[in-house]
């Protein structure tokens, strides 16, 4: 959908090559033929107990980033189309229509900010 600067997805999660040298929950995120994207490390909280599953949850979120960005762009395009606005204008009572348009504008602004942050 776009010419993004980031490494194209899909991104995959894998365990480190030498798990004996790392925490058991550490994860690597890679793309394609093992193009290294990021490393996610398990951390310990203030009383030295491991935060179980945090590294894997963070790795899943990072690995989903290309697909989430693409989804945001598709929703942005959909919300921004004149056909959606035309449906609202012709099919909705004035107070409801105004509320819907304001809500769409607000969500569109949020999407645009998130997309801009991802592509900065």
PDB file of N, CA and C in Angstrom:
ATOM      1  N   UNK A   1       0.809  -1.199   0.000  1.00  0.00           N
ATOM      2  CA  UNK A   1       0.000   0.000   0.000  1.00  0.00           C
ATOM      3  C   UNK A   1       0.854   1.265   0.000  1.00  0.00           C
ATOM      4  N   UNK A   2       2.096   1.182   0.494  1.00  0.00           N
ATOM      5  CA  UNK A   2       2.927   2.373   0.535  1.00  0.00           C
ATOM      6  C   UNK A   2       4.384   2.000   0.339  1.00  0.00           C
ATOM      7  N   UNK A   3       5.197   3.029   0.233  1.00  0.00           N
ATOM      8  CA  UNK A   3       6.639   2.840   0.127  1.00  0.00           C
ATOM      9  C   UNK A   3       7.272   3.181   1.470  1.00  0.00           C
ATOM     10  N   UNK A   4       7.022   2.378   2.475  1.00  0.00           N
ATOM     11  CA  UNK A   4       7.521   2.631   3.824  1.00  0.00           C
ATOM     12  C   UNK A   4       9.027   2.444   3.890  1.00  0.00           C
ATOM     13  N   UNK A   5       9.646   3.107   4.845  1.00  0.00           N
ATOM     14  CA  UNK A   5      11.083   3.004   5.045  1.00  0.00           C
ATOM     15  C   UNK A   5      11.471   1.771   5.841  1.00  0.00           C
ATOM     16  N   UNK A   6      10.537   1.198   6.587  1.00  0.00           N
ATOM     17  CA  UNK A   6      10.867   0.059   7.446  1.00  0.00           C
ATOM     18  C   UNK A   6      11.020  -1.224   6.622  1.00  0.00           C
ATOM     19  N   UNK A   7      11.647  -2.215   7.223  1.00  0.00           N
ATOM     20  CA  UNK A   7      11.780  -3.519   6.588  1.00  0.00           C
ATOM     21  C   UNK A   7      10.386  -4.106   6.416  1.00  0.00           C
ATOM     22  N   UNK A   8      10.055  -4.549   5.205  1.00  0.00           N
ATOM     23  CA  UNK A   8       8.708  -5.084   4.998  1.00  0.00           C
ATOM     24  C   UNK A   8       8.461  -6.340   5.823  1.00  0.00           C
ATOM     25  N   UNK A   9       7.196  -6.538   6.185  1.00  0.00           N
ATOM     26  CA  UNK A   9       6.806  -7.742   6.914  1.00  0.00           C
ATOM     27  C   UNK A   9       6.633  -8.893   5.961  1.00  0.00           C
ATOM     28  N   UNK A  10       6.277 -10.046   6.443  1.00  0.00           N
ATOM     29  CA  UNK A  10       5.982 -10.292   7.858  1.00  0.00           C
ATOM     30  C   UNK A  10       7.257 -10.415   8.682  1.00  0.00           C
ATOM     31  N   UNK A  11       7.121 -10.059   9.943  1.00  0.00           N
ATOM     32  CA  UNK A  11       8.213 -10.233  10.888  1.00  0.00           C
ATOM     33  C   UNK A  11       7.898 -11.453  11.732  1.00  0.00           C
ATOM     34  N   UNK A  12       8.918 -12.219  12.042  1.00  0.00           N
ATOM     35  CA  UNK A  12       8.756 -13.466  12.796  1.00  0.00           C
ATOM     36  C   UNK A  12       9.491 -13.382  14.134  1.00  0.00           C
ATOM     37  N   UNK A  13       8.970 -14.111  15.099  1.00  0.00           N
ATOM     38  CA  UNK A  13       9.601 -14.213  16.415  1.00  0.00           C
ATOM     39  C   UNK A  13      10.360 -15.535  16.464  1.00  0.00           C
ATOM     40  N   UNK A  14      11.572 -15.482  16.988  1.00  0.00           N
ATOM     41  CA  UNK A  14      12.325 -16.720  17.176  1.00  0.00           C
ATOM     42  C   UNK A  14      13.131 -16.632  18.454  1.00  0.00           C
ATOM     43  N   UNK A  15      13.555 -17.787  18.925  1.00  0.00           N
ATOM     44  CA  UNK A  15      14.391 -17.823  20.119  1.00  0.00           C
ATOM     45  C   UNK A  15      15.831 -17.510  19.721  1.00  0.00           C
ATOM     46  N   UNK A  16      16.629 -16.998  20.659  1.00  0.00           N
ATOM     47  CA  UNK A  16      18.042 -16.739  20.361  1.00  0.00           C
ATOM     48  C   UNK A  16      18.737 -18.024  19.922  1.00  0.00           C
ATOM     49  N   UNK A  17      19.791 -17.859  19.117  1.00  0.00           N
ATOM     50  CA  UNK A  17      20.523 -19.022  18.618  1.00  0.00           C
ATOM     51  C   UNK A  17      21.196 -19.811  19.727  1.00  0.00           C
ATOM     52  N   UNK A  18      21.649 -19.123  20.757  1.00  0.00           N
ATOM     53  CA  UNK A  18      22.329 -19.764  21.881  1.00  0.00           C
ATOM     54  C   UNK A  18      21.560 -19.487  23.164  1.00  0.00           C
ATOM     55  N   UNK A  19      20.472 -20.214  23.398  1.00  0.00           N
ATOM     56  CA  UNK A  19      19.622 -19.902  24.557  1.00  0.00           C
ATOM     57  C   UNK A  19      20.318 -20.062  25.894  1.00  0.00           C
ATOM     58  N   UNK A  20      21.397 -20.845  25.968  1.00  0.00           N
ATOM     59  CA  UNK A  20      22.091 -20.999  27.240  1.00  0.00           C
ATOM     60  C   UNK A  20      22.784 -19.715  27.668  1.00  0.00           C
ATOM     61  N   UNK A  21      22.983 -18.803  26.752  1.00  0.00           N
ATOM     62  CA  UNK A  21      23.646 -17.540  27.060  1.00  0.00           C
ATOM     63  C   UNK A  21      22.648 -16.415  27.351  1.00  0.00           C
ATOM     64  N   UNK A  22      21.362 -16.714  27.257  1.00  0.00           N
ATOM     65  CA  UNK A  22      20.345 -15.681  27.438  1.00  0.00           C
ATOM     66  C   UNK A  22      19.263 -16.166  28.385  1.00  0.00           C
ATOM     67  N   UNK A  23      18.432 -15.248  28.787  1.00  0.00           N
ATOM     68  CA  UNK A  23      17.262 -15.606  29.580  1.00  0.00           C
ATOM     69  C   UNK A  23      16.357 -16.503  28.735  1.00  0.00           C
ATOM     70  N   UNK A  24      15.630 -17.370  29.363  1.00  0.00           N
ATOM     71  CA  UNK A  24      14.786 -18.308  28.624  1.00  0.00           C
ATOM     72  C   UNK A  24      13.688 -17.611  27.829  1.00  0.00           C
ATOM     73  N   UNK A  25      13.259 -16.431  28.249  1.00  0.00           N
ATOM     74  CA  UNK A  25      12.171 -15.730  27.573  1.00  0.00           C
ATOM     75  C   UNK A  25      12.649 -14.728  26.520  1.00  0.00           C
ATOM     76  N   UNK A  26      13.955 -14.516  26.354  1.00  0.00           N
ATOM     77  CA  UNK A  26      14.438 -13.565  25.358  1.00  0.00           C
ATOM     78  C   UNK A  26      13.987 -13.997  23.968  1.00  0.00           C
ATOM     79  N   UNK A  27      13.708 -13.034  23.115  1.00  0.00           N
ATOM     80  CA  UNK A  27      13.245 -13.316  21.762  1.00  0.00           C
ATOM     81  C   UNK A  27      13.923 -12.391  20.761  1.00  0.00           C
ATOM     82  N   UNK A  28      14.049 -12.880  19.536  1.00  0.00           N
ATOM     83  CA  UNK A  28      14.556 -12.093  18.416  1.00  0.00           C
ATOM     84  C   UNK A  28      13.410 -11.909  17.428  1.00  0.00           C
ATOM     85  N   UNK A  29      13.382 -10.759  16.783  1.00  0.00           N
ATOM     86  CA  UNK A  29      12.397 -10.521  15.738  1.00  0.00           C
ATOM     87  C   UNK A  29      13.181 -10.371  14.445  1.00  0.00           C
ATOM     88  N   UNK A  30      12.768 -11.126  13.419  1.00  0.00           N
ATOM     89  CA  UNK A  30      13.473 -11.087  12.153  1.00  0.00           C
ATOM     90  C   UNK A  30      12.481 -11.056  11.006  1.00  0.00           C
ATOM     91  N   UNK A  31      13.003 -10.712   9.830  1.00  0.00           N
ATOM     92  CA  UNK A  31      12.180 -10.667   8.621  1.00  0.00           C
ATOM     93  C   UNK A  31      12.880 -11.449   7.527  1.00  0.00           C
ATOM     94  N   UNK A  32      12.088 -12.065   6.676  1.00  0.00           N
ATOM     95  CA  UNK A  32      12.648 -12.758   5.523  1.00  0.00           C
ATOM     96  C   UNK A  32      13.731 -13.748   5.892  1.00  0.00           C
ATOM     97  N   UNK A  33      14.848 -13.639   5.228  1.00  0.00           N
ATOM     98  CA  UNK A  33      15.967 -14.553   5.447  1.00  0.00           C
ATOM     99  C   UNK A  33      16.816 -14.100   6.625  1.00  0.00           C
ATOM    100  N   UNK A  34      16.212 -14.114   7.797  1.00  0.00           N
ATOM    101  CA  UNK A  34      16.884 -13.764   9.044  1.00  0.00           C
ATOM    102  C   UNK A  34      17.458 -12.353   9.055  1.00  0.00           C
ATOM    103  N   UNK A  35      16.721 -11.419   8.487  1.00  0.00           N
ATOM    104  CA  UNK A  35      17.096 -10.008   8.614  1.00  0.00           C
ATOM    105  C   UNK A  35      16.741  -9.597  10.030  1.00  0.00           C
ATOM    106  N   UNK A  36      17.741  -9.204  10.799  1.00  0.00           N
ATOM    107  CA  UNK A  36      17.560  -8.891  12.204  1.00  0.00           C
ATOM    108  C   UNK A  36      16.806  -7.570  12.351  1.00  0.00           C
ATOM    109  N   UNK A  37      15.688  -7.608  13.067  1.00  0.00           N
ATOM    110  CA  UNK A  37      14.877  -6.409  13.308  1.00  0.00           C
ATOM    111  C   UNK A  37      15.099  -5.889  14.723  1.00  0.00           C
ATOM    112  N   UNK A  38      14.942  -6.763  15.718  1.00  0.00           N
ATOM    113  CA  UNK A  38      15.028  -6.327  17.114  1.00  0.00           C
ATOM    114  C   UNK A  38      15.281  -7.522  18.022  1.00  0.00           C
ATOM    115  N   UNK A  39      15.730  -7.215  19.218  1.00  0.00           N
ATOM    116  CA  UNK A  39      15.862  -8.210  20.280  1.00  0.00           C
ATOM    117  C   UNK A  39      15.012  -7.749  21.446  1.00  0.00           C
ATOM    118  N   UNK A  40      14.321  -8.678  22.068  1.00  0.00           N
ATOM    119  CA  UNK A  40      13.479  -8.365  23.214  1.00  0.00           C
ATOM    120  C   UNK A  40      13.971  -9.217  24.371  1.00  0.00           C
ATOM    121  N   UNK A  41      14.286  -8.567  25.477  1.00  0.00           N
ATOM    122  CA  UNK A  41      14.853  -9.260  26.626  1.00  0.00           C
ATOM    123  C   UNK A  41      13.849  -9.342  27.764  1.00  0.00           C
ATOM    124  N   UNK A  42      13.902 -10.434  28.454  1.00  0.00           N
ATOM    125  CA  UNK A  42      13.113 -10.581  29.676  1.00  0.00           C
ATOM    126  C   UNK A  42      13.724  -9.669  30.732  1.00  0.00           C
ATOM    127  N   UNK A  43      12.897  -8.999  31.473  1.00  0.00           N
ATOM    128  CA  UNK A  43      13.414  -8.162  32.549  1.00  0.00           C
ATOM    129  C   UNK A  43      12.964  -8.718  33.894  1.00  0.00           C
ATOM    130  N   UNK A  44      13.596  -8.224  34.915  1.00  0.00           N
ATOM    131  CA  UNK A  44      13.178  -8.579  36.265  1.00  0.00           C
ATOM    132  C   UNK A  44      12.638  -7.330  36.923  1.00  0.00           C
ATOM    133  N   UNK A  45      11.601  -7.518  37.734  1.00  0.00           N
ATOM    134  CA  UNK A  45      11.050  -6.346  38.392  1.00  0.00           C
ATOM    135  C   UNK A  45      11.873  -5.981  39.630  1.00  0.00           C
ATOM    136  N   UNK A  46      11.434  -4.975  40.339  1.00  0.00           N
ATOM    137  CA  UNK A  46      12.229  -4.406  41.429  1.00  0.00           C
ATOM    138  C   UNK A  46      12.561  -5.394  42.539  1.00  0.00           C
ATOM    139  N   UNK A  47      11.787  -6.430  42.749  1.00  0.00           N
ATOM    140  CA  UNK A  47      12.130  -7.379  43.816  1.00  0.00           C
ATOM    141  C   UNK A  47      12.761  -8.668  43.250  1.00  0.00           C
ATOM    142  N   UNK A  48      13.340  -8.558  42.040  1.00  0.00           N
ATOM    143  CA  UNK A  48      14.112  -9.616  41.402  1.00  0.00           C
ATOM    144  C   UNK A  48      13.299 -10.827  40.951  1.00  0.00           C
ATOM    145  N   UNK A  49      11.985 -10.715  40.887  1.00  0.00           N
ATOM    146  CA  UNK A  49      11.185 -11.797  40.324  1.00  0.00           C
ATOM    147  C   UNK A  49      11.029 -11.542  38.828  1.00  0.00           C
ATOM    148  N   UNK A  50      11.105 -12.594  38.042  1.00  0.00           N
ATOM    149  CA  UNK A  50      10.935 -12.428  36.605  1.00  0.00           C
ATOM    150  C   UNK A  50       9.500 -12.036  36.280  1.00  0.00           C
ATOM    151  N   UNK A  51       9.350 -11.188  35.315  1.00  0.00           N
ATOM    152  CA  UNK A  51       8.031 -10.806  34.824  1.00  0.00           C
ATOM    153  C   UNK A  51       7.662 -11.801  33.723  1.00  0.00           C
ATOM    154  N   UNK A  52       7.049 -12.878  34.091  1.00  0.00           N
ATOM    155  CA  UNK A  52       6.794 -13.990  33.184  1.00  0.00           C
ATOM    156  C   UNK A  52       6.016 -13.571  31.946  1.00  0.00           C
ATOM    157  N   UNK A  53       6.544 -13.932  30.801  1.00  0.00           N
ATOM    158  CA  UNK A  53       5.852 -13.719  29.543  1.00  0.00           C
ATOM    159  C   UNK A  53       5.946 -12.328  28.959  1.00  0.00           C
ATOM    160  N   UNK A  54       6.571 -11.400  29.651  1.00  0.00           N
ATOM    161  CA  UNK A  54       6.628 -10.030  29.160  1.00  0.00           C
ATOM    162  C   UNK A  54       7.422  -9.938  27.864  1.00  0.00           C
ATOM    163  N   UNK A  55       8.556 -10.604  27.794  1.00  0.00           N
ATOM    164  CA  UNK A  55       9.378 -10.539  26.583  1.00  0.00           C
ATOM    165  C   UNK A  55       8.618 -11.094  25.388  1.00  0.00           C
ATOM    166  N   UNK A  56       7.940 -12.207  25.566  1.00  0.00           N
ATOM    167  CA  UNK A  56       7.193 -12.797  24.467  1.00  0.00           C
ATOM    168  C   UNK A  56       6.036 -11.893  24.047  1.00  0.00           C
ATOM    169  N   UNK A  57       5.335 -11.318  25.002  1.00  0.00           N
ATOM    170  CA  UNK A  57       4.230 -10.404  24.683  1.00  0.00           C
ATOM    171  C   UNK A  57       4.748  -9.173  23.932  1.00  0.00           C
ATOM    172  N   UNK A  58       5.865  -8.618  24.371  1.00  0.00           N
ATOM    173  CA  UNK A  58       6.455  -7.474  23.684  1.00  0.00           C
ATOM    174  C   UNK A  58       6.917  -7.862  22.283  1.00  0.00           C
ATOM    175  N   UNK A  59       7.518  -9.034  22.149  1.00  0.00           N
ATOM    176  CA  UNK A  59       7.972  -9.514  20.839  1.00  0.00           C
ATOM    177  C   UNK A  59       6.790  -9.689  19.889  1.00  0.00           C
ATOM    178  N   UNK A  60       5.688 -10.215  20.383  1.00  0.00           N
ATOM    179  CA  UNK A  60       4.496 -10.377  19.538  1.00  0.00           C
ATOM    180  C   UNK A  60       3.978  -9.030  19.046  1.00  0.00           C
ATOM    181  N   UNK A  61       3.972  -8.042  19.922  1.00  0.00           N
ATOM    182  CA  UNK A  61       3.507  -6.711  19.542  1.00  0.00           C
ATOM    183  C   UNK A  61       4.427  -6.105  18.478  1.00  0.00           C
ATOM    184  N   UNK A  62       5.727  -6.209  18.673  1.00  0.00           N
ATOM    185  CA  UNK A  62       6.681  -5.672  17.696  1.00  0.00           C
ATOM    186  C   UNK A  62       6.554  -6.404  16.363  1.00  0.00           C
ATOM    187  N   UNK A  63       6.459  -7.725  16.414  1.00  0.00           N
ATOM    188  CA  UNK A  63       6.371  -8.511  15.186  1.00  0.00           C
ATOM    189  C   UNK A  63       5.093  -8.198  14.406  1.00  0.00           C
ATOM    190  N   UNK A  64       4.056  -7.775  15.083  1.00  0.00           N
ATOM    191  CA  UNK A  64       2.792  -7.441  14.423  1.00  0.00           C
ATOM    192  C   UNK A  64       2.798  -6.041  13.819  1.00  0.00           C
ATOM    193  N   UNK A  65       3.818  -5.247  14.079  1.00  0.00           N
ATOM    194  CA  UNK A  65       3.844  -3.846  13.665  1.00  0.00           C
ATOM    195  C   UNK A  65       3.586  -3.625  12.176  1.00  0.00           C
ATOM    196  N   UNK A  66       4.214  -4.351  11.255  1.00  0.00           N
ATOM    197  CA  UNK A  66       3.920  -4.085   9.840  1.00  0.00           C
ATOM    198  C   UNK A  66       2.459  -4.308   9.474  1.00  0.00           C
ATOM    199  N   UNK A  67       1.868  -5.379  10.001  1.00  0.00           N
ATOM    200  CA  UNK A  67       0.470  -5.656   9.708  1.00  0.00           C
ATOM    201  C   UNK A  67      -0.453  -4.624  10.362  1.00  0.00           C
ATOM    202  N   UNK A  68      -0.118  -4.192  11.579  1.00  0.00           N
ATOM    203  CA  UNK A  68      -0.923  -3.174  12.258  1.00  0.00           C
ATOM    204  C   UNK A  68      -0.851  -1.843  11.512  1.00  0.00           C
ATOM    205  N   UNK A  69       0.320  -1.484  11.028  1.00  0.00           N
ATOM    206  CA  UNK A  69       0.470  -0.247  10.259  1.00  0.00           C
ATOM    207  C   UNK A  69      -0.350  -0.316   8.978  1.00  0.00           C
ATOM    208  N   UNK A  70      -0.283  -1.436   8.295  1.00  0.00           N
ATOM    209  CA  UNK A  70      -1.058  -1.601   7.065  1.00  0.00           C
ATOM    210  C   UNK A  70      -2.556  -1.503   7.347  1.00  0.00           C
ATOM    211  N   UNK A  71      -3.007  -2.127   8.424  1.00  0.00           N
ATOM    212  CA  UNK A  71      -4.425  -2.061   8.792  1.00  0.00           C
ATOM    213  C   UNK A  71      -4.845  -0.625   9.093  1.00  0.00           C
ATOM    214  N   UNK A  72      -3.995   0.107   9.801  1.00  0.00           N
ATOM    215  CA  UNK A  72      -4.301   1.509  10.114  1.00  0.00           C
ATOM    216  C   UNK A  72      -4.425   2.329   8.836  1.00  0.00           C
ATOM    217  N   UNK A  73      -3.553   2.091   7.886  1.00  0.00           N
ATOM    218  CA  UNK A  73      -3.609   2.839   6.627  1.00  0.00           C
ATOM    219  C   UNK A  73      -4.888   2.522   5.852  1.00  0.00           C
ATOM    220  N   UNK A  74      -5.300   1.267   5.871  1.00  0.00           N
ATOM    221  CA  UNK A  74      -6.529   0.897   5.169  1.00  0.00           C
ATOM    222  C   UNK A  74      -7.752   1.550   5.837  1.00  0.00           C
ATOM    223  N   UNK A  75      -7.780   1.553   7.154  1.00  0.00           N
ATOM    224  CA  UNK A  75      -8.892   2.204   7.860  1.00  0.00           C
ATOM    225  C   UNK A  75      -8.861   3.708   7.596  1.00  0.00           C
ATOM    226  N   UNK A  76      -7.664   4.288   7.597  1.00  0.00           N
ATOM    227  CA  UNK A  76      -7.539   5.716   7.300  1.00  0.00           C
ATOM    228  C   UNK A  76      -8.103   6.018   5.916  1.00  0.00           C
ATOM    229  N   UNK A  77      -7.745   5.222   4.932  1.00  0.00           N
ATOM    230  CA  UNK A  77      -8.261   5.436   3.578  1.00  0.00           C
ATOM    231  C   UNK A  77      -9.777   5.311   3.543  1.00  0.00           C
ATOM    232  N   UNK A  78     -10.297   4.324   4.260  1.00  0.00           N
ATOM    233  CA  UNK A  78     -11.737   4.098   4.275  1.00  0.00           C
ATOM    234  C   UNK A  78     -12.468   5.268   4.938  1.00  0.00           C
ATOM    235  N   UNK A  79     -11.949   5.718   6.083  1.00  0.00           N
ATOM    236  CA  UNK A  79     -12.587   6.830   6.787  1.00  0.00           C
ATOM    237  C   UNK A  79     -12.496   8.126   5.998  1.00  0.00           C
ATOM    238  N   UNK A  80     -11.485   8.225   5.174  1.00  0.00           N
ATOM    239  CA  UNK A  80     -11.228   9.459   4.447  1.00  0.00           C
ATOM    240  C   UNK A  80     -11.961   9.527   3.104  1.00  0.00           C
ATOM    241  N   UNK A  81     -12.648   8.473   2.716  1.00  0.00           N
ATOM    242  CA  UNK A  81     -13.294   8.460   1.404  1.00  0.00           C
ATOM    243  C   UNK A  81     -14.554   9.316   1.389  1.00  0.00           C
ATOM    244  N   UNK A  82     -14.773   9.929   0.262  1.00  0.00           N
ATOM    245  CA  UNK A  82     -15.972  10.754   0.120  1.00  0.00           C
ATOM    246  C   UNK A  82     -17.232   9.900   0.086  1.00  0.00           C
ATOM    247  N   UNK A  83     -17.114   8.626  -0.320  1.00  0.00           N
ATOM    248  CA  UNK A  83     -18.303   7.768  -0.354  1.00  0.00           C
ATOM    249  C   UNK A  83     -18.836   7.510   1.050  1.00  0.00           C
ATOM    250  N   UNK A  84     -17.953   7.334   2.035  1.00  0.00           N
ATOM    251  CA  UNK A  84     -18.404   7.149   3.416  1.00  0.00           C
ATOM    252  C   UNK A  84     -19.099   8.414   3.900  1.00  0.00           C
ATOM    253  N   UNK A  85     -18.519   9.550   3.607  1.00  0.00           N
ATOM    254  CA  UNK A  85     -19.126  10.813   4.017  1.00  0.00           C
ATOM    255  C   UNK A  85     -20.479  11.015   3.343  1.00  0.00           C
ATOM    256  N   UNK A  86     -20.598  10.593   2.076  1.00  0.00           N
ATOM    257  CA  UNK A  86     -21.865  10.728   1.357  1.00  0.00           C
ATOM    258  C   UNK A  86     -22.951   9.878   1.997  1.00  0.00           C
ATOM    259  N   UNK A  87     -22.592   8.669   2.418  1.00  0.00           N
ATOM    260  CA  UNK A  87     -23.562   7.803   3.097  1.00  0.00           C
ATOM    261  C   UNK A  87     -24.040   8.472   4.372  1.00  0.00           C
ATOM    262  N   UNK A  88     -23.137   9.041   5.137  1.00  0.00           N
ATOM    263  CA  UNK A  88     -23.520   9.712   6.372  1.00  0.00           C
ATOM    264  C   UNK A  88     -24.447  10.898   6.099  1.00  0.00           C
ATOM    265  N   UNK A  89     -24.146  11.639   5.081  1.00  0.00           N
ATOM    266  CA  UNK A  89     -24.933  12.825   4.769  1.00  0.00           C
ATOM    267  C   UNK A  89     -26.356  12.450   4.382  1.00  0.00           C
ATOM    268  N   UNK A  90     -26.523  11.372   3.618  1.00  0.00           N
ATOM    269  CA  UNK A  90     -27.839  11.026   3.090  1.00  0.00           C
ATOM    270  C   UNK A  90     -28.630  10.053   3.958  1.00  0.00           C
ATOM    271  N   UNK A  91     -27.984   9.366   4.873  1.00  0.00           N
ATOM    272  CA  UNK A  91     -28.662   8.298   5.600  1.00  0.00           C
ATOM    273  C   UNK A  91     -28.846   8.563   7.085  1.00  0.00           C
ATOM    274  N   UNK A  92     -28.485   9.722   7.561  1.00  0.00           N
ATOM    275  CA  UNK A  92     -28.469   9.942   8.995  1.00  0.00           C
ATOM    276  C   UNK A  92     -29.121  11.265   9.355  1.00  0.00           C
ATOM    277  N   UNK A  93     -29.823  11.279  10.486  1.00  0.00           N
ATOM    278  CA  UNK A  93     -30.411  12.514  11.017  1.00  0.00           C
ATOM    279  C   UNK A  93     -29.290  13.484  11.393  1.00  0.00           C
ATOM    280  N   UNK A  94     -29.554  14.774  11.307  1.00  0.00           N
ATOM    281  CA  UNK A  94     -28.533  15.804  11.496  1.00  0.00           C
ATOM    282  C   UNK A  94     -27.730  15.681  12.795  1.00  0.00           C
ATOM    283  N   UNK A  95     -28.351  15.580  13.990  1.00  0.00           N
ATOM    284  CA  UNK A  95     -27.532  15.507  15.212  1.00  0.00           C
ATOM    285  C   UNK A  95     -26.654  14.259  15.249  1.00  0.00           C
ATOM    286  N   UNK A  96     -27.202  13.127  14.794  1.00  0.00           N
ATOM    287  CA  UNK A  96     -26.428  11.880  14.773  1.00  0.00           C
ATOM    288  C   UNK A  96     -25.312  11.988  13.750  1.00  0.00           C
ATOM    289  N   UNK A  97     -25.650  12.542  12.582  1.00  0.00           N
ATOM    290  CA  UNK A  97     -24.662  12.720  11.524  1.00  0.00           C
ATOM    291  C   UNK A  97     -23.489  13.564  12.022  1.00  0.00           C
ATOM    292  N   UNK A  98     -23.789  14.674  12.686  1.00  0.00           N
ATOM    293  CA  UNK A  98     -22.730  15.550  13.187  1.00  0.00           C
ATOM    294  C   UNK A  98     -21.845  14.821  14.194  1.00  0.00           C
ATOM    295  N   UNK A  99     -22.457  14.044  15.070  1.00  0.00           N
ATOM    296  CA  UNK A  99     -21.683  13.281  16.062  1.00  0.00           C
ATOM    297  C   UNK A  99     -20.806  12.233  15.380  1.00  0.00           C
ATOM    298  N   UNK A 100     -21.357  11.564  14.370  1.00  0.00           N
ATOM    299  CA  UNK A 100     -20.570  10.565  13.642  1.00  0.00           C
ATOM    300  C   UNK A 100     -19.392  11.195  12.911  1.00  0.00           C
ATOM    301  N   UNK A 101     -19.645  12.308  12.254  1.00  0.00           N
ATOM    302  CA  UNK A 101     -18.573  12.991  11.523  1.00  0.00           C
ATOM    303  C   UNK A 101     -17.481  13.450  12.481  1.00  0.00           C
ATOM    304  N   UNK A 102     -17.872  13.999  13.634  1.00  0.00           N
ATOM    305  CA  UNK A 102     -16.866  14.419  14.625  1.00  0.00           C
ATOM    306  C   UNK A 102     -16.085  13.218  15.151  1.00  0.00           C
ATOM    307  N   UNK A 103     -16.778  12.107  15.402  1.00  0.00           N
ATOM    308  CA  UNK A 103     -16.108  10.904  15.873  1.00  0.00           C
ATOM    309  C   UNK A 103     -15.131  10.358  14.840  1.00  0.00           C
ATOM    310  N   UNK A 104     -15.559  10.326  13.589  1.00  0.00           N
ATOM    311  CA  UNK A 104     -14.675   9.858  12.517  1.00  0.00           C
ATOM    312  C   UNK A 104     -13.462  10.769  12.406  1.00  0.00           C
ATOM    313  N   UNK A 105     -13.685  12.067  12.458  1.00  0.00           N
ATOM    314  CA  UNK A 105     -12.565  13.015  12.364  1.00  0.00           C
ATOM    315  C   UNK A 105     -11.568  12.801  13.496  1.00  0.00           C
ATOM    316  N   UNK A 106     -12.088  12.563  14.689  1.00  0.00           N
ATOM    317  CA  UNK A 106     -11.217  12.333  15.838  1.00  0.00           C
ATOM    318  C   UNK A 106     -10.395  11.053  15.660  1.00  0.00           C
ATOM    319  N   UNK A 107     -11.054   9.971  15.242  1.00  0.00           N
ATOM    320  CA  UNK A 107     -10.340   8.712  15.033  1.00  0.00           C
ATOM    321  C   UNK A 107      -9.357   8.817  13.870  1.00  0.00           C
ATOM    322  N   UNK A 108      -9.726   9.557  12.849  1.00  0.00           N
ATOM    323  CA  UNK A 108      -8.841   9.759  11.713  1.00  0.00           C
ATOM    324  C   UNK A 108      -7.585  10.515  12.141  1.00  0.00           C
ATOM    325  N   UNK A 109      -7.750  11.504  12.995  1.00  0.00           N
ATOM    326  CA  UNK A 109      -6.603  12.247  13.520  1.00  0.00           C
ATOM    327  C   UNK A 109      -5.682  11.332  14.322  1.00  0.00           C
ATOM    328  N   UNK A 110      -6.265  10.458  15.136  1.00  0.00           N
ATOM    329  CA  UNK A 110      -5.471   9.507  15.915  1.00  0.00           C
ATOM    330  C   UNK A 110      -4.723   8.550  15.003  1.00  0.00           C
ATOM    331  N   UNK A 111      -5.410   8.026  13.991  1.00  0.00           N
ATOM    332  CA  UNK A 111      -4.756   7.134  13.031  1.00  0.00           C
ATOM    333  C   UNK A 111      -3.609   7.837  12.314  1.00  0.00           C
ATOM    334  N   UNK A 112      -3.853   9.045  11.861  1.00  0.00           N
ATOM    335  CA  UNK A 112      -2.820   9.797  11.148  1.00  0.00           C
ATOM    336  C   UNK A 112      -1.598  10.028  12.027  1.00  0.00           C
ATOM    337  N   UNK A 113      -1.818  10.339  13.295  1.00  0.00           N
ATOM    338  CA  UNK A 113      -0.695  10.555  14.217  1.00  0.00           C
ATOM    339  C   UNK A 113       0.092   9.258  14.426  1.00  0.00           C
ATOM    340  N   UNK A 114      -0.601   8.150  14.581  1.00  0.00           N
ATOM    341  CA  UNK A 114       0.076   6.870  14.762  1.00  0.00           C
ATOM    342  C   UNK A 114       0.865   6.461  13.532  1.00  0.00           C
ATOM    343  N   UNK A 115       0.285   6.655  12.369  1.00  0.00           N
ATOM    344  CA  UNK A 115       0.966   6.333  11.111  1.00  0.00           C
ATOM    345  C   UNK A 115       2.200   7.220  10.951  1.00  0.00           C
ATOM    346  N   UNK A 116       2.053   8.502  11.222  1.00  0.00           N
ATOM    347  CA  UNK A 116       3.186   9.417  11.111  1.00  0.00           C
ATOM    348  C   UNK A 116       4.320   9.027  12.062  1.00  0.00           C
ATOM    349  N   UNK A 117       3.975   8.628  13.258  1.00  0.00           N
ATOM    350  CA  UNK A 117       4.979   8.194  14.230  1.00  0.00           C
ATOM    351  C   UNK A 117       5.702   6.942  13.724  1.00  0.00           C
ATOM    352  N   UNK A 118       4.953   6.007  13.153  1.00  0.00           N
ATOM    353  CA  UNK A 118       5.547   4.775  12.652  1.00  0.00           C
ATOM    354  C   UNK A 118       6.445   5.014  11.449  1.00  0.00           C
ATOM    355  N   UNK A 119       6.121   6.023  10.659  1.00  0.00           N
ATOM    356  CA  UNK A 119       6.884   6.267   9.426  1.00  0.00           C
ATOM    357  C   UNK A 119       7.871   7.417   9.540  1.00  0.00           C
ATOM    358  N   UNK A 120       8.035   7.970  10.725  1.00  0.00           N
ATOM    359  CA  UNK A 120       8.956   9.110  10.896  1.00  0.00           C
ATOM    360  C   UNK A 120      10.388   8.718  10.593  1.00  0.00           C
TER     361      UNK A 120
END
